[in-house]
N, C-alpha and C. Protein backbone atom coordinates (compact mmCIF):
# COMPACT_ATOMS: atom_id res chain seq x y z
N MET A 1 9.61 11.00 -18.34
CA MET A 1 9.37 12.58 -18.13
C MET A 1 7.66 12.82 -18.03
N ALA A 2 7.61 13.50 -16.93
CA ALA A 2 6.34 13.53 -16.12
C ALA A 2 5.23 14.31 -17.45
N ILE A 3 3.98 13.73 -17.22
CA ILE A 3 3.02 14.67 -17.90
C ILE A 3 2.20 15.73 -16.87
N ILE A 4 2.19 16.92 -17.21
CA ILE A 4 1.94 17.82 -16.44
C ILE A 4 0.27 18.28 -16.88
N VAL A 5 -0.92 18.08 -15.79
CA VAL A 5 -2.33 18.06 -16.10
C VAL A 5 -2.74 19.13 -15.05
N ASN A 6 -3.63 20.08 -15.70
CA ASN A 6 -4.43 20.81 -14.68
C ASN A 6 -5.33 19.84 -13.90
N VAL A 7 -5.81 20.54 -12.62
CA VAL A 7 -6.83 19.76 -11.92
C VAL A 7 -7.97 19.70 -12.43
N ASN A 8 -8.60 20.67 -13.22
CA ASN A 8 -9.85 20.42 -13.85
C ASN A 8 -9.56 19.59 -15.07
N GLU A 9 -8.65 19.40 -15.73
CA GLU A 9 -8.59 18.41 -16.95
C GLU A 9 -8.62 17.29 -16.22
N ALA A 10 -7.75 16.66 -15.18
CA ALA A 10 -7.58 15.46 -14.38
C ALA A 10 -8.85 15.11 -14.17
N LYS A 11 -9.47 16.22 -13.51
CA LYS A 11 -10.94 15.60 -13.12
C LYS A 11 -12.11 15.08 -14.35
N ALA A 12 -11.78 15.46 -15.48
CA ALA A 12 -12.34 15.29 -16.60
C ALA A 12 -12.01 13.86 -17.15
N HIS A 13 -10.60 13.43 -16.99
CA HIS A 13 -9.82 12.51 -17.55
C HIS A 13 -9.28 11.45 -16.28
N TYR A 14 -9.72 11.57 -15.15
CA TYR A 14 -9.33 10.58 -14.17
C TYR A 14 -8.74 9.32 -14.52
N SER A 15 -9.53 8.38 -15.11
CA SER A 15 -9.51 7.13 -15.12
C SER A 15 -8.48 6.90 -16.40
N ARG A 16 -8.27 7.77 -17.21
CA ARG A 16 -7.29 7.51 -18.45
C ARG A 16 -5.82 7.74 -17.56
N LEU A 17 -5.90 8.87 -16.68
CA LEU A 17 -4.56 9.04 -16.17
C LEU A 17 -4.32 8.03 -15.03
N LEU A 18 -5.20 7.76 -14.38
CA LEU A 18 -5.07 6.49 -13.70
C LEU A 18 -4.20 5.46 -14.06
N GLU A 19 -4.80 5.31 -15.32
CA GLU A 19 -4.12 3.97 -15.90
C GLU A 19 -2.75 4.26 -16.76
N LEU A 20 -2.34 5.36 -16.94
CA LEU A 20 -1.16 5.85 -17.05
C LEU A 20 -0.24 5.85 -16.13
N ALA A 21 -0.85 6.24 -14.89
CA ALA A 21 0.06 5.99 -13.85
C ALA A 21 0.32 4.69 -13.32
N HIS A 22 -0.73 3.88 -13.61
CA HIS A 22 -0.51 2.39 -13.24
C HIS A 22 0.61 1.80 -13.96
N ALA A 23 0.91 2.35 -15.52
CA ALA A 23 1.14 1.82 -16.18
C ALA A 23 2.95 2.22 -16.13
N GLY A 24 3.23 3.19 -15.04
CA GLY A 24 4.44 3.80 -14.66
C GLY A 24 4.61 5.03 -14.94
N GLN A 25 3.69 6.01 -15.80
CA GLN A 25 3.91 7.29 -15.84
C GLN A 25 3.67 8.05 -14.81
N GLU A 26 4.57 8.83 -14.55
CA GLU A 26 4.36 10.24 -13.38
C GLU A 26 3.36 11.34 -14.00
N ILE A 27 2.48 11.21 -13.19
CA ILE A 27 1.61 12.53 -13.45
C ILE A 27 1.78 13.96 -12.61
N ILE A 28 1.66 14.75 -12.74
CA ILE A 28 1.89 16.12 -12.12
C ILE A 28 0.57 16.71 -12.32
N LEU A 29 -0.01 16.84 -11.29
CA LEU A 29 -1.19 17.69 -11.17
C LEU A 29 -0.99 19.15 -10.88
N ALA A 30 -1.25 20.03 -11.72
CA ALA A 30 -1.09 21.34 -11.56
C ALA A 30 -2.21 22.28 -11.14
N LYS A 31 -2.31 23.29 -10.26
CA LYS A 31 -3.13 23.72 -9.72
C LYS A 31 -2.88 25.43 -9.92
N ALA A 32 -3.50 26.35 -11.13
CA ALA A 32 -2.92 27.56 -11.29
C ALA A 32 -1.86 27.42 -11.77
N GLY A 33 -1.45 26.54 -12.49
CA GLY A 33 -0.05 26.72 -13.07
C GLY A 33 0.94 26.01 -12.37
N GLN A 34 0.45 25.88 -11.28
CA GLN A 34 1.85 25.71 -10.17
C GLN A 34 1.89 23.99 -9.82
N PRO A 35 2.93 23.00 -9.92
CA PRO A 35 2.78 21.63 -9.33
C PRO A 35 2.17 21.56 -8.00
N TYR A 36 1.28 20.69 -7.86
CA TYR A 36 0.56 20.75 -6.69
C TYR A 36 0.51 19.39 -6.13
N ALA A 37 0.27 18.15 -6.73
CA ALA A 37 0.47 16.92 -6.42
C ALA A 37 0.99 15.95 -7.62
N ARG A 38 1.32 14.70 -7.27
CA ARG A 38 2.07 13.98 -8.02
C ARG A 38 1.14 12.41 -8.00
N MET A 39 1.06 11.98 -9.04
CA MET A 39 0.22 10.51 -9.55
C MET A 39 1.42 9.59 -9.56
N LEU A 40 1.69 8.48 -8.93
CA LEU A 40 2.84 7.53 -9.17
C LEU A 40 2.05 6.31 -9.29
N PRO A 41 2.97 5.16 -9.68
CA PRO A 41 2.07 3.86 -9.58
C PRO A 41 2.96 3.46 -8.10
N LEU A 42 2.09 2.53 -7.71
CA LEU A 42 2.71 1.72 -6.49
C LEU A 42 3.69 0.81 -6.63
N GLU A 43 4.87 0.92 -5.61
CA GLU A 43 5.75 0.02 -5.76
C GLU A 43 5.29 -1.04 -5.59
N PRO A 44 6.17 -2.47 -6.01
CA PRO A 44 5.44 -3.77 -5.71
C PRO A 44 5.58 -4.01 -4.22
N ALA A 45 4.69 -4.83 -3.58
CA ALA A 45 4.88 -5.02 -2.15
C ALA A 45 6.08 -5.99 -1.96
N VAL A 46 6.71 -5.47 -1.13
CA VAL A 46 7.91 -6.41 -0.48
C VAL A 46 7.54 -7.06 0.75
N GLY A 47 7.94 -8.19 1.00
CA GLY A 47 7.77 -9.07 2.05
C GLY A 47 6.35 -9.26 2.56
N CYS A 48 5.64 -9.73 1.57
CA CYS A 48 4.22 -9.79 2.13
C CYS A 48 4.08 -11.19 2.84
N ARG A 49 2.98 -11.11 3.51
CA ARG A 49 2.66 -12.14 4.28
C ARG A 49 2.33 -13.42 3.29
N GLN A 50 2.66 -14.67 3.48
CA GLN A 50 2.48 -15.81 2.66
C GLN A 50 1.63 -16.97 3.86
N PRO A 51 0.70 -17.32 3.42
CA PRO A 51 0.06 -18.03 4.61
C PRO A 51 0.47 -19.39 4.38
N GLY A 52 0.90 -20.37 5.50
CA GLY A 52 1.67 -21.50 5.36
C GLY A 52 2.99 -21.62 5.23
N ARG A 53 3.71 -20.63 5.11
CA ARG A 53 5.15 -20.55 4.89
C ARG A 53 6.06 -20.89 5.84
N LEU A 54 5.30 -21.01 7.23
CA LEU A 54 6.04 -21.54 8.61
C LEU A 54 5.46 -22.90 8.74
N ARG A 55 4.49 -23.73 7.97
CA ARG A 55 3.96 -24.93 7.99
C ARG A 55 5.19 -25.85 8.63
N GLY A 56 4.99 -26.47 9.34
CA GLY A 56 6.28 -27.75 10.25
C GLY A 56 7.41 -27.00 10.70
N ARG A 57 7.30 -25.77 10.90
CA ARG A 57 8.45 -24.89 11.58
C ARG A 57 7.98 -24.57 12.88
N VAL A 58 6.69 -24.36 13.37
CA VAL A 58 6.08 -24.24 14.62
C VAL A 58 5.53 -25.34 15.38
N GLY A 59 6.38 -25.82 16.32
CA GLY A 59 6.07 -26.84 17.46
C GLY A 59 4.72 -26.58 18.09
N GLU A 60 4.61 -27.93 18.69
CA GLU A 60 3.25 -27.86 19.40
C GLU A 60 2.81 -26.87 20.69
N ALA A 61 4.31 -26.84 21.34
CA ALA A 61 4.30 -25.89 22.26
C ALA A 61 3.57 -24.50 21.88
N PHE A 62 3.59 -24.08 20.77
CA PHE A 62 2.93 -22.95 20.55
C PHE A 62 1.45 -22.70 20.62
N PHE A 63 0.67 -23.78 20.36
CA PHE A 63 -0.44 -23.88 20.41
C PHE A 63 -1.10 -24.21 21.76
N GLU A 64 -0.31 -24.51 22.89
CA GLU A 64 -0.76 -24.82 24.13
C GLU A 64 -1.47 -23.33 24.67
N THR A 65 -2.36 -23.68 25.61
CA THR A 65 -2.79 -22.43 26.16
C THR A 65 -1.71 -21.79 27.16
N LEU A 66 -1.76 -20.52 27.15
CA LEU A 66 -0.87 -19.51 27.90
C LEU A 66 -1.35 -19.68 29.60
N PRO A 67 -0.44 -19.77 30.40
CA PRO A 67 -0.51 -19.88 31.88
C PRO A 67 -1.44 -18.59 32.19
N ASP A 68 -2.39 -18.75 33.05
CA ASP A 68 -3.17 -17.65 33.64
C ASP A 68 -2.69 -16.40 34.13
N ALA A 69 -1.36 -16.52 34.65
CA ALA A 69 -0.62 -15.27 35.09
C ALA A 69 -0.35 -14.52 33.70
N GLU A 70 0.27 -15.18 32.45
CA GLU A 70 0.72 -14.56 31.71
C GLU A 70 -0.47 -14.06 30.87
N LEU A 71 -1.86 -14.63 30.76
CA LEU A 71 -2.93 -14.17 30.21
C LEU A 71 -3.40 -12.88 31.00
N ALA A 72 -3.27 -12.89 32.14
CA ALA A 72 -3.91 -11.78 32.82
C ALA A 72 -2.82 -10.75 32.40
N ALA A 73 -1.45 -10.77 32.17
CA ALA A 73 -0.40 -9.10 31.83
C ALA A 73 -0.86 -9.28 30.27
N TRP A 74 -1.23 -10.09 29.55
CA TRP A 74 -1.56 -9.31 28.11
C TRP A 74 -3.05 -8.79 28.22
N GLU A 75 -3.73 -9.23 29.29
CA GLU A 75 -4.99 -8.55 29.01
C GLU A 75 -5.17 -7.01 30.06
N SER A 76 -4.20 -6.94 30.81
CA SER A 76 -4.12 -5.43 31.75
C SER A 76 -3.27 -4.48 30.87
């Protein structure tokens, strides 16, 4: 269940509300008694880049200098 907090109260207790949202609690910010915005935890990153995961899979040709015509096409 979401916690509903007035904007002025949210300003005063922002750090506490941020910790609650990070812990999974949904916070509804209200302005003049009407829902206005929502604080939610971020979803875990999916498919993050992982350095070195293709080690040994990229051939030497990958590192060769491109021909001048191809370089010119990339630069235009």
